N, C-alpha and C. Protein backbone atom coordinates (compact mmCIF):
# COMPACT_ATOMS: atom_id res chain seq x y z
N MET A 1 -64.46 76.88 32.83
CA MET A 1 -63.30 77.66 33.11
C MET A 1 -62.26 77.45 32.02
N ALA A 2 -61.61 78.51 31.66
CA ALA A 2 -60.59 78.46 30.63
C ALA A 2 -59.29 77.93 31.23
N GLN A 3 -58.62 77.13 30.44
CA GLN A 3 -57.35 76.60 30.93
C GLN A 3 -56.24 77.54 30.52
N GLY A 4 -55.10 77.47 31.20
CA GLY A 4 -53.97 78.33 30.94
C GLY A 4 -53.19 77.88 29.70
N VAL A 5 -52.14 78.61 29.35
CA VAL A 5 -51.32 78.31 28.20
C VAL A 5 -50.52 77.02 28.47
N VAL A 6 -50.35 76.19 27.44
CA VAL A 6 -49.61 74.94 27.58
C VAL A 6 -48.13 75.26 27.70
N LYS A 7 -47.52 74.74 28.75
CA LYS A 7 -46.09 74.99 28.98
C LYS A 7 -45.27 74.07 28.07
N LYS A 8 -44.22 74.63 27.45
CA LYS A 8 -43.34 73.83 26.59
C LYS A 8 -42.17 73.36 27.44
N SER A 9 -41.91 72.06 27.38
CA SER A 9 -40.81 71.52 28.18
C SER A 9 -39.51 71.61 27.39
N LYS A 10 -38.41 71.75 28.10
CA LYS A 10 -37.10 71.82 27.46
C LYS A 10 -36.70 70.43 26.99
N ALA A 11 -35.93 70.38 25.92
CA ALA A 11 -35.45 69.09 25.41
C ALA A 11 -34.42 68.53 26.39
N SER A 12 -34.56 67.26 26.72
CA SER A 12 -33.63 66.66 27.68
C SER A 12 -32.29 66.40 26.99
N ALA A 13 -31.24 66.46 27.77
CA ALA A 13 -29.90 66.25 27.23
C ALA A 13 -29.75 64.78 26.81
N PRO A 14 -29.06 64.54 25.71
CA PRO A 14 -28.90 63.15 25.27
C PRO A 14 -28.07 62.35 26.29
N LYS A 15 -28.50 61.11 26.50
CA LYS A 15 -27.81 60.27 27.48
C LYS A 15 -26.52 59.73 26.86
N VAL A 16 -25.47 59.77 27.67
CA VAL A 16 -24.19 59.25 27.21
C VAL A 16 -24.05 57.84 27.76
N GLY A 17 -24.02 56.86 26.86
CA GLY A 17 -23.87 55.48 27.28
C GLY A 17 -22.43 55.18 27.61
N SER A 18 -22.22 54.38 28.62
CA SER A 18 -20.85 54.04 28.98
C SER A 18 -20.34 53.00 27.98
N SER A 19 -19.25 53.33 27.30
CA SER A 19 -18.71 52.43 26.30
C SER A 19 -17.79 51.42 26.99
N ARG A 20 -18.25 50.18 27.08
CA ARG A 20 -17.51 49.13 27.77
C ARG A 20 -16.78 48.30 26.73
N ARG A 21 -15.48 48.15 26.92
CA ARG A 21 -14.69 47.33 25.99
C ARG A 21 -14.99 45.87 26.25
N GLN A 22 -15.19 45.14 25.16
CA GLN A 22 -15.46 43.72 25.31
C GLN A 22 -14.14 42.97 25.48
N THR A 23 -14.04 42.22 26.55
CA THR A 23 -12.80 41.50 26.83
C THR A 23 -12.92 40.06 26.36
N GLY A 24 -11.79 39.46 26.07
CA GLY A 24 -11.78 38.07 25.64
C GLY A 24 -11.91 37.13 26.83
N SER A 25 -12.05 35.85 26.53
CA SER A 25 -12.17 34.88 27.60
C SER A 25 -10.84 34.73 28.32
N LYS A 26 -10.89 34.50 29.61
CA LYS A 26 -9.68 34.40 30.41
C LYS A 26 -9.07 33.01 30.23
N VAL A 27 -7.75 32.97 30.17
CA VAL A 27 -7.03 31.71 30.06
C VAL A 27 -6.34 31.46 31.38
N ILE A 28 -6.67 30.34 31.99
CA ILE A 28 -6.04 30.00 33.27
C ILE A 28 -4.84 29.14 32.96
N LYS A 29 -3.66 29.67 33.26
CA LYS A 29 -2.43 28.95 32.97
C LYS A 29 -2.19 27.89 34.05
N PRO A 30 -1.62 26.76 33.65
CA PRO A 30 -1.38 25.69 34.63
C PRO A 30 -0.28 26.07 35.62
N LYS A 31 -0.41 25.58 36.82
CA LYS A 31 0.56 25.89 37.88
C LYS A 31 1.56 24.76 38.08
N LYS A 32 1.12 23.51 37.86
CA LYS A 32 2.01 22.37 38.08
C LYS A 32 3.00 22.22 36.93
N ALA A 33 4.20 21.78 37.26
CA ALA A 33 5.27 21.66 36.26
C ALA A 33 4.91 20.64 35.19
N SER A 34 4.27 19.54 35.60
CA SER A 34 3.92 18.51 34.62
C SER A 34 2.88 19.03 33.63
N LEU A 35 1.95 19.83 34.11
CA LEU A 35 0.92 20.38 33.21
C LEU A 35 1.52 21.42 32.27
N ILE A 36 2.48 22.21 32.76
CA ILE A 36 3.15 23.20 31.91
C ILE A 36 3.91 22.50 30.81
N LYS A 37 4.60 21.40 31.17
CA LYS A 37 5.39 20.66 30.19
C LYS A 37 4.48 20.05 29.11
N SER A 38 3.35 19.48 29.52
CA SER A 38 2.43 18.87 28.54
C SER A 38 1.80 19.94 27.65
N GLN A 39 1.55 21.11 28.20
CA GLN A 39 0.98 22.19 27.40
C GLN A 39 1.98 22.67 26.34
N ASN A 40 3.25 22.77 26.72
CA ASN A 40 4.28 23.20 25.77
C ASN A 40 4.46 22.18 24.65
N THR A 41 4.45 20.89 24.98
CA THR A 41 4.59 19.87 23.93
C THR A 41 3.40 19.88 23.01
N ALA A 42 2.22 20.08 23.56
CA ALA A 42 1.02 20.15 22.71
C ALA A 42 1.09 21.33 21.77
N LYS A 43 1.61 22.45 22.26
CA LYS A 43 1.75 23.65 21.43
C LYS A 43 2.72 23.40 20.27
N LYS A 44 3.83 22.70 20.56
CA LYS A 44 4.83 22.41 19.52
C LYS A 44 4.26 21.47 18.46
N HIS A 45 3.53 20.46 18.90
CA HIS A 45 2.98 19.49 17.96
C HIS A 45 1.91 20.11 17.06
N THR A 46 1.08 20.97 17.62
CA THR A 46 0.04 21.60 16.79
C THR A 46 0.66 22.54 15.77
N ALA A 47 1.77 23.18 16.13
CA ALA A 47 2.44 24.07 15.17
C ALA A 47 2.98 23.25 14.01
N GLY A 48 3.55 22.08 14.31
CA GLY A 48 4.07 21.22 13.25
C GLY A 48 2.96 20.70 12.36
N LEU A 49 1.83 20.36 12.95
CA LEU A 49 0.70 19.86 12.17
C LEU A 49 0.17 20.93 11.23
N THR A 50 0.15 22.17 11.72
CA THR A 50 -0.33 23.27 10.89
C THR A 50 0.58 23.47 9.69
N ALA A 51 1.89 23.40 9.91
CA ALA A 51 2.84 23.59 8.81
C ALA A 51 2.69 22.48 7.78
N LEU A 52 2.55 21.24 8.25
CA LEU A 52 2.39 20.12 7.34
C LEU A 52 1.09 20.22 6.54
N THR A 53 0.02 20.66 7.21
CA THR A 53 -1.27 20.80 6.54
C THR A 53 -1.18 21.86 5.45
N GLU A 54 -0.56 22.99 5.77
CA GLU A 54 -0.43 24.06 4.78
C GLU A 54 0.39 23.61 3.59
N LYS A 55 1.44 22.82 3.84
CA LYS A 55 2.28 22.33 2.75
C LYS A 55 1.50 21.37 1.87
N ALA A 56 0.68 20.51 2.49
CA ALA A 56 -0.12 19.55 1.73
C ALA A 56 -1.15 20.27 0.87
N ILE A 57 -1.77 21.29 1.43
CA ILE A 57 -2.77 22.06 0.68
C ILE A 57 -2.12 22.78 -0.49
N ALA A 58 -0.94 23.34 -0.25
CA ALA A 58 -0.24 24.06 -1.31
C ALA A 58 0.17 23.10 -2.42
N GLY A 59 0.57 21.89 -2.03
CA GLY A 59 0.97 20.91 -3.03
C GLY A 59 -0.19 20.49 -3.91
N LYS A 60 -1.39 20.38 -3.33
CA LYS A 60 -2.56 19.99 -4.10
C LYS A 60 -3.07 21.13 -4.96
N ALA A 61 -3.07 22.32 -4.38
CA ALA A 61 -3.62 23.47 -5.11
C ALA A 61 -2.64 23.94 -6.18
N GLY A 62 -1.40 24.18 -5.79
CA GLY A 62 -0.38 24.59 -6.76
C GLY A 62 -0.39 26.05 -7.12
N HIS A 63 -1.49 26.74 -6.89
CA HIS A 63 -1.54 28.15 -7.27
C HIS A 63 -1.54 29.08 -6.06
N LEU A 64 -1.37 28.53 -4.89
CA LEU A 64 -1.32 29.38 -3.70
C LEU A 64 0.09 29.92 -3.53
N GLU A 65 0.26 31.22 -3.73
CA GLU A 65 1.59 31.82 -3.68
C GLU A 65 2.06 32.06 -2.26
N LEU A 66 1.11 32.20 -1.33
CA LEU A 66 1.50 32.49 0.04
C LEU A 66 2.10 31.26 0.71
N LEU A 67 1.61 30.08 0.34
CA LEU A 67 2.08 28.86 0.97
C LEU A 67 3.18 28.23 0.12
N GLY A 68 4.24 27.80 0.76
CA GLY A 68 5.34 27.18 0.03
C GLY A 68 5.07 25.71 -0.22
N GLY A 69 5.82 25.13 -1.12
CA GLY A 69 5.70 23.70 -1.37
C GLY A 69 4.71 23.34 -2.44
N GLY A 70 4.32 24.26 -3.28
CA GLY A 70 3.36 23.99 -4.33
C GLY A 70 4.03 23.45 -5.58
N LYS A 71 3.28 23.38 -6.67
CA LYS A 71 3.79 22.87 -7.94
C LYS A 71 4.91 23.76 -8.47
N ARG A 72 4.81 25.05 -8.24
CA ARG A 72 5.83 25.99 -8.72
C ARG A 72 7.17 25.69 -8.06
N ASP A 73 7.15 25.40 -6.76
CA ASP A 73 8.39 25.06 -6.05
C ASP A 73 8.96 23.74 -6.55
N LYS A 74 8.09 22.78 -6.84
CA LYS A 74 8.56 21.48 -7.31
C LYS A 74 9.23 21.62 -8.68
N LYS A 75 8.66 22.45 -9.54
CA LYS A 75 9.26 22.68 -10.87
C LYS A 75 10.62 23.34 -10.73
N ALA A 76 10.75 24.28 -9.80
CA ALA A 76 12.03 24.96 -9.59
C ALA A 76 13.08 23.97 -9.07
N GLU A 77 12.67 23.06 -8.19
CA GLU A 77 13.60 22.06 -7.67
C GLU A 77 14.06 21.12 -8.78
N MET A 78 13.13 20.70 -9.64
CA MET A 78 13.47 19.81 -10.74
C MET A 78 14.44 20.49 -11.70
N ALA A 79 14.22 21.78 -11.99
CA ALA A 79 15.09 22.52 -12.87
C ALA A 79 16.49 22.65 -12.27
N ALA A 80 16.55 22.85 -10.96
CA ALA A 80 17.84 22.97 -10.29
C ALA A 80 18.61 21.65 -10.34
N LYS A 81 17.89 20.53 -10.19
CA LYS A 81 18.53 19.22 -10.24
C LYS A 81 19.07 18.94 -11.65
N LEU A 82 18.29 19.32 -12.67
CA LEU A 82 18.72 19.10 -14.05
C LEU A 82 19.97 19.91 -14.38
N GLN A 83 20.05 21.12 -13.85
CA GLN A 83 21.22 21.97 -14.11
C GLN A 83 22.47 21.40 -13.43
N LYS A 84 22.31 20.81 -12.25
CA LYS A 84 23.44 20.23 -11.55
C LYS A 84 23.98 19.01 -12.29
N LYS A 85 23.06 18.20 -12.84
CA LYS A 85 23.46 17.00 -13.56
C LYS A 85 24.11 17.33 -14.90
N GLY A 86 23.54 18.33 -15.58
CA GLY A 86 23.97 18.63 -16.95
C GLY A 86 24.98 19.67 -17.06
């Protein structure tokens, strides 16, 4: 027996994927007053350490223009002191 004509199927519509935004990790803030106080002091101390570290790096490198306290700043301070004396 002869078979019939092969039916052509329609192209399926492309699937639209749901674009989910990736969220960051949740930070649980402390509720007790003593924990809030210790967290604030820790934040202040780390900020100071960062500033000191950047100043030390700039002093050693000397060519970092973004960070203050490098060799260029030291030369400017020395020149200013010499002008005041002389």
